[in-house]
């Protein structure tokens, strides 16, 4: 018997939320010519590609996409898919779900060796259990959950299929 998933965001709602966040990015970065989108592997990079695609449709801001790799349980090593000069750049750090803020905090590590003009954060779902001082600038959905509940963003290839509570 298969378990029924308790969806909190459908595929259609996720697409609308991603589009809204892309418009917010444009509003908050109108003066910028280029933005670096840094998606945290796996689902965060799919969210980042969806944002990049929408930004290309609605604005003239050039985007560069990076994928950040780290062990979310023990985030000692953080690697980027490519090396760039992040000095005086706008970086948007993107993940699927913000739980404690720990992953987003550690994912900042490679950028701190530079002097970026601005670092912003984006998540599709934000939970209200912050134990680290990272609060997303762009949020698709904020939800209060118990510590025992988990939120999963479901992706299929390059598509965000929704988010569910388990």
C-alpha atoms as a PDB file:
ATOM      1  CA  UNK A   1       0.000   0.000   0.000  1.00  0.00           C
ATOM      2  CA  UNK A   2       1.485   3.345  -1.038  1.00  0.00           C
ATOM      3  CA  UNK A   3       1.423   6.319   1.281  1.00  0.00           C
ATOM      4  CA  UNK A   4      -0.593   9.316   0.150  1.00  0.00           C
ATOM      5  CA  UNK A   5       1.527  12.457   0.106  1.00  0.00           C
ATOM      6  CA  UNK A   6       0.182  15.428   2.040  1.00  0.00           C
ATOM      7  CA  UNK A   7       0.899  18.202  -0.488  1.00  0.00           C
ATOM      8  CA  UNK A   8       1.192  21.720   0.875  1.00  0.00           C
ATOM      9  CA  UNK A   9       2.100  23.163  -2.545  1.00  0.00           C
ATOM     10  CA  UNK A  10       0.867  21.737  -5.849  1.00  0.00           C
ATOM     11  CA  UNK A  11       2.867  21.881  -9.072  1.00  0.00           C
ATOM     12  CA  UNK A  12       0.711  24.794 -10.281  1.00  0.00           C
ATOM     13  CA  UNK A  13       1.026  26.697  -6.987  1.00  0.00           C
ATOM     14  CA  UNK A  14       4.816  26.155  -6.983  1.00  0.00           C
ATOM     15  CA  UNK A  15       5.038  27.617 -10.504  1.00  0.00           C
ATOM     16  CA  UNK A  16       3.059  30.697  -9.402  1.00  0.00           C
ATOM     17  CA  UNK A  17       5.179  31.152  -6.270  1.00  0.00           C
ATOM     18  CA  UNK A  18       8.428  30.852  -8.268  1.00  0.00           C
ATOM     19  CA  UNK A  19       7.156  33.408 -10.791  1.00  0.00           C
ATOM     20  CA  UNK A  20       6.151  35.820  -7.995  1.00  0.00           C
ATOM     21  CA  UNK A  21       9.580  35.486  -6.371  1.00  0.00           C
ATOM     22  CA  UNK A  22      11.257  36.179  -9.743  1.00  0.00           C
ATOM     23  CA  UNK A  23       9.265  39.418 -10.004  1.00  0.00           C
ATOM     24  CA  UNK A  24      10.335  40.333  -6.454  1.00  0.00           C
ATOM     25  CA  UNK A  25      13.975  39.733  -7.433  1.00  0.00           C
ATOM     26  CA  UNK A  26      13.585  42.103 -10.386  1.00  0.00           C
ATOM     27  CA  UNK A  27      11.918  44.743  -8.182  1.00  0.00           C
ATOM     28  CA  UNK A  28      14.688  44.538  -5.573  1.00  0.00           C
ATOM     29  CA  UNK A  29      17.526  44.465  -8.100  1.00  0.00           C
ATOM     30  CA  UNK A  30      16.331  46.764 -10.902  1.00  0.00           C
ATOM     31  CA  UNK A  31      19.647  48.586 -11.108  1.00  0.00           C
ATOM     32  CA  UNK A  32      21.637  45.365 -11.544  1.00  0.00           C
ATOM     33  CA  UNK A  33      22.932  44.158 -14.890  1.00  0.00           C
ATOM     34  CA  UNK A  34      23.857  40.695 -13.613  1.00  0.00           C
ATOM     35  CA  UNK A  35      22.827  38.410 -10.756  1.00  0.00           C
ATOM     36  CA  UNK A  36      24.499  35.185  -9.682  1.00  0.00           C
ATOM     37  CA  UNK A  37      21.994  32.480  -8.760  1.00  0.00           C
ATOM     38  CA  UNK A  38      23.564  29.868  -6.476  1.00  0.00           C
ATOM     39  CA  UNK A  39      21.333  26.807  -6.071  1.00  0.00           C
ATOM     40  CA  UNK A  40      22.013  24.233  -3.376  1.00  0.00           C
ATOM     41  CA  UNK A  41      22.171  20.734  -4.870  1.00  0.00           C
ATOM     42  CA  UNK A  42      19.703  18.870  -5.603  1.00  0.00           C
ATOM     43  CA  UNK A  43      16.264  20.465  -5.307  1.00  0.00           C
ATOM     44  CA  UNK A  44      17.667  23.938  -4.634  1.00  0.00           C
ATOM     45  CA  UNK A  45      19.444  23.914  -7.992  1.00  0.00           C
ATOM     46  CA  UNK A  46      16.184  22.931  -9.741  1.00  0.00           C
ATOM     47  CA  UNK A  47      14.456  25.865  -8.008  1.00  0.00           C
ATOM     48  CA  UNK A  48      17.366  28.109  -9.105  1.00  0.00           C
ATOM     49  CA  UNK A  49      17.008  27.005 -12.758  1.00  0.00           C
ATOM     50  CA  UNK A  50      13.259  27.713 -12.626  1.00  0.00           C
ATOM     51  CA  UNK A  51      13.973  31.207 -11.249  1.00  0.00           C
ATOM     52  CA  UNK A  52      16.639  31.759 -13.926  1.00  0.00           C
ATOM     53  CA  UNK A  53      14.204  30.759 -16.691  1.00  0.00           C
ATOM     54  CA  UNK A  54      11.523  33.140 -15.398  1.00  0.00           C
ATOM     55  CA  UNK A  55      13.991  36.011 -14.947  1.00  0.00           C
ATOM     56  CA  UNK A  56      15.017  35.581 -18.606  1.00  0.00           C
ATOM     57  CA  UNK A  57      11.347  35.900 -19.626  1.00  0.00           C
ATOM     58  CA  UNK A  58      10.491  38.964 -17.533  1.00  0.00           C
ATOM     59  CA  UNK A  59      13.679  41.059 -17.378  1.00  0.00           C
ATOM     60  CA  UNK A  60      16.912  41.995 -19.083  1.00  0.00           C
ATOM     61  CA  UNK A  61      19.035  41.116 -16.040  1.00  0.00           C
ATOM     62  CA  UNK A  62      21.730  38.633 -17.026  1.00  0.00           C
ATOM     63  CA  UNK A  63      22.023  35.618 -14.736  1.00  0.00           C
ATOM     64  CA  UNK A  64      24.847  33.208 -13.982  1.00  0.00           C
ATOM     65  CA  UNK A  65      23.884  29.890 -12.393  1.00  0.00           C
ATOM     66  CA  UNK A  66      26.088  27.990  -9.937  1.00  0.00           C
ATOM     67  CA  UNK A  67      25.411  24.761  -8.102  1.00  0.00           C
ATOM     68  CA  UNK A  68      26.542  24.507  -4.491  1.00  0.00           C
ATOM     69  CA  UNK A  69      27.410  21.055  -3.162  1.00  0.00           C
ATOM     70  CA  UNK A  70      27.608  20.278   0.544  1.00  0.00           C
ATOM     71  CA  UNK A  71      26.664  17.579   3.004  1.00  0.00           C
ATOM     72  CA  UNK A  72      23.585  19.037   4.686  1.00  0.00           C
ATOM     73  CA  UNK A  73      24.146  16.991   7.863  1.00  0.00           C
ATOM     74  CA  UNK A  74      27.898  17.769   8.198  1.00  0.00           C
ATOM     75  CA  UNK A  75      28.513  20.847   5.996  1.00  0.00           C
ATOM     76  CA  UNK A  76      32.281  21.144   6.448  1.00  0.00           C
ATOM     77  CA  UNK A  77      33.191  21.262   2.749  1.00  0.00           C
ATOM     78  CA  UNK A  78      31.268  23.497   0.400  1.00  0.00           C
ATOM     79  CA  UNK A  79      32.069  23.345  -3.310  1.00  0.00           C
ATOM     80  CA  UNK A  80      30.849  25.438  -6.234  1.00  0.00           C
ATOM     81  CA  UNK A  81      30.245  24.167  -9.761  1.00  0.00           C
ATOM     82  CA  UNK A  82      32.473  26.958 -11.134  1.00  0.00           C
ATOM     83  CA  UNK A  83      34.939  29.512  -9.841  1.00  0.00           C
ATOM     84  CA  UNK A  84      34.027  33.143 -10.327  1.00  0.00           C
ATOM     85  CA  UNK A  85      35.027  36.515  -8.952  1.00  0.00           C
ATOM     86  CA  UNK A  86      32.198  37.409  -6.569  1.00  0.00           C
ATOM     87  CA  UNK A  87      33.545  40.858  -5.702  1.00  0.00           C
ATOM     88  CA  UNK A  88      30.918  43.573  -6.132  1.00  0.00           C
ATOM     89  CA  UNK A  89      28.341  41.014  -7.379  1.00  0.00           C
ATOM     90  CA  UNK A  90      24.775  40.299  -6.330  1.00  0.00           C
ATOM     91  CA  UNK A  91      24.367  36.684  -5.226  1.00  0.00           C
ATOM     92  CA  UNK A  92      21.076  34.980  -4.536  1.00  0.00           C
ATOM     93  CA  UNK A  93      21.483  31.792  -2.529  1.00  0.00           C
ATOM     94  CA  UNK A  94      18.647  29.360  -3.344  1.00  0.00           C
ATOM     95  CA  UNK A  95      17.383  26.229  -1.594  1.00  0.00           C
ATOM     96  CA  UNK A  96      14.158  24.267  -1.591  1.00  0.00           C
ATOM     97  CA  UNK A  97      13.328  24.326   2.149  1.00  0.00           C
ATOM     98  CA  UNK A  98      14.734  26.402   5.007  1.00  0.00           C
ATOM     99  CA  UNK A  99      14.526  24.436   8.234  1.00  0.00           C
ATOM    100  CA  UNK A 100      17.003  25.690  10.837  1.00  0.00           C
ATOM    101  CA  UNK A 101      18.958  28.011   8.526  1.00  0.00           C
ATOM    102  CA  UNK A 102      22.098  25.852   8.888  1.00  0.00           C
ATOM    103  CA  UNK A 103      22.418  24.815   5.225  1.00  0.00           C
ATOM    104  CA  UNK A 104      21.962  28.383   3.976  1.00  0.00           C
ATOM    105  CA  UNK A 105      24.492  29.658   6.526  1.00  0.00           C
ATOM    106  CA  UNK A 106      27.169  27.133   5.546  1.00  0.00           C
ATOM    107  CA  UNK A 107      26.450  27.614   1.833  1.00  0.00           C
ATOM    108  CA  UNK A 108      27.545  31.242   2.258  1.00  0.00           C
ATOM    109  CA  UNK A 109      31.092  30.134   3.136  1.00  0.00           C
ATOM    110  CA  UNK A 110      32.713  30.316  -0.360  1.00  0.00           C
ATOM    111  CA  UNK A 111      31.291  33.802  -0.968  1.00  0.00           C
ATOM    112  CA  UNK A 112      32.733  35.232   2.247  1.00  0.00           C
ATOM    113  CA  UNK A 113      36.244  35.115   0.786  1.00  0.00           C
ATOM    114  CA  UNK A 114      35.105  37.931  -1.526  1.00  0.00           C
ATOM    115  CA  UNK A 115      33.306  41.240  -1.086  1.00  0.00           C
ATOM    116  CA  UNK A 116      29.921  40.815  -2.777  1.00  0.00           C
ATOM    117  CA  UNK A 117      27.723  43.889  -3.146  1.00  0.00           C
ATOM    118  CA  UNK A 118      24.667  41.990  -1.887  1.00  0.00           C
ATOM    119  CA  UNK A 119      23.739  38.453  -0.811  1.00  0.00           C
ATOM    120  CA  UNK A 120      20.075  37.501  -0.728  1.00  0.00           C
ATOM    121  CA  UNK A 121      18.402  34.171   0.021  1.00  0.00           C
ATOM    122  CA  UNK A 122      15.423  32.448  -1.591  1.00  0.00           C
ATOM    123  CA  UNK A 123      13.536  29.307  -0.551  1.00  0.00           C
ATOM    124  CA  UNK A 124      10.361  27.741  -1.841  1.00  0.00           C
ATOM    125  CA  UNK A 125       9.264  26.731   1.689  1.00  0.00           C
ATOM    126  CA  UNK A 126      10.355  28.276   4.980  1.00  0.00           C
ATOM    127  CA  UNK A 127       9.752  26.506   8.278  1.00  0.00           C
ATOM    128  CA  UNK A 128       9.609  28.405  11.535  1.00  0.00           C
ATOM    129  CA  UNK A 129      12.391  26.562  13.391  1.00  0.00           C
ATOM    130  CA  UNK A 130      15.354  28.896  12.989  1.00  0.00           C
ATOM    131  CA  UNK A 131      18.384  28.038  15.106  1.00  0.00           C
ATOM    132  CA  UNK A 132      20.794  29.959  12.854  1.00  0.00           C
ATOM    133  CA  UNK A 133      20.470  33.679  12.003  1.00  0.00           C
ATOM    134  CA  UNK A 134      19.442  33.233   8.368  1.00  0.00           C
ATOM    135  CA  UNK A 135      16.052  34.436   7.205  1.00  0.00           C
ATOM    136  CA  UNK A 136      15.106  34.163   3.524  1.00  0.00           C
ATOM    137  CA  UNK A 137      14.608  37.373   1.557  1.00  0.00           C
ATOM    138  CA  UNK A 138      12.258  35.592  -0.851  1.00  0.00           C
ATOM    139  CA  UNK A 139       9.860  32.894   0.350  1.00  0.00           C
ATOM    140  CA  UNK A 140       7.234  30.945  -1.576  1.00  0.00           C
ATOM    141  CA  UNK A 141       5.438  29.663   1.538  1.00  0.00           C
ATOM    142  CA  UNK A 142       6.074  30.068   5.272  1.00  0.00           C
ATOM    143  CA  UNK A 143       4.670  27.265   7.375  1.00  0.00           C
ATOM    144  CA  UNK A 144       4.723  26.316  11.023  1.00  0.00           C
ATOM    145  CA  UNK A 145       5.357  22.623  11.582  1.00  0.00           C
ATOM    146  CA  UNK A 146       6.338  20.389  14.454  1.00  0.00           C
ATOM    147  CA  UNK A 147      10.002  19.435  14.753  1.00  0.00           C
ATOM    148  CA  UNK A 148       9.037  15.840  13.902  1.00  0.00           C
ATOM    149  CA  UNK A 149       7.473  16.803  10.568  1.00  0.00           C
ATOM    150  CA  UNK A 150       9.560  17.125   7.425  1.00  0.00           C
ATOM    151  CA  UNK A 151       8.900  19.057   4.253  1.00  0.00           C
ATOM    152  CA  UNK A 152      10.096  17.689   0.940  1.00  0.00           C
ATOM    153  CA  UNK A 153      10.162  19.554  -2.351  1.00  0.00           C
ATOM    154  CA  UNK A 154       9.526  17.063  -5.106  1.00  0.00           C
ATOM    155  CA  UNK A 155      11.330  17.593  -8.399  1.00  0.00           C
ATOM    156  CA  UNK A 156      11.278  15.664 -11.642  1.00  0.00           C
ATOM    157  CA  UNK A 157      14.186  16.539 -13.903  1.00  0.00           C
ATOM    158  CA  UNK A 158      14.056  20.319 -14.220  1.00  0.00           C
ATOM    159  CA  UNK A 159      10.496  20.693 -12.901  1.00  0.00           C
ATOM    160  CA  UNK A 160       9.278  21.488  -9.410  1.00  0.00           C
ATOM    161  CA  UNK A 161       6.380  19.083  -8.873  1.00  0.00           C
ATOM    162  CA  UNK A 162       5.276  20.480  -5.498  1.00  0.00           C
ATOM    163  CA  UNK A 163       6.044  20.206  -1.805  1.00  0.00           C
ATOM    164  CA  UNK A 164       4.647  17.816   0.754  1.00  0.00           C
ATOM    165  CA  UNK A 165       4.652  17.276   4.487  1.00  0.00           C
ATOM    166  CA  UNK A 166       5.772  13.942   5.914  1.00  0.00           C
END
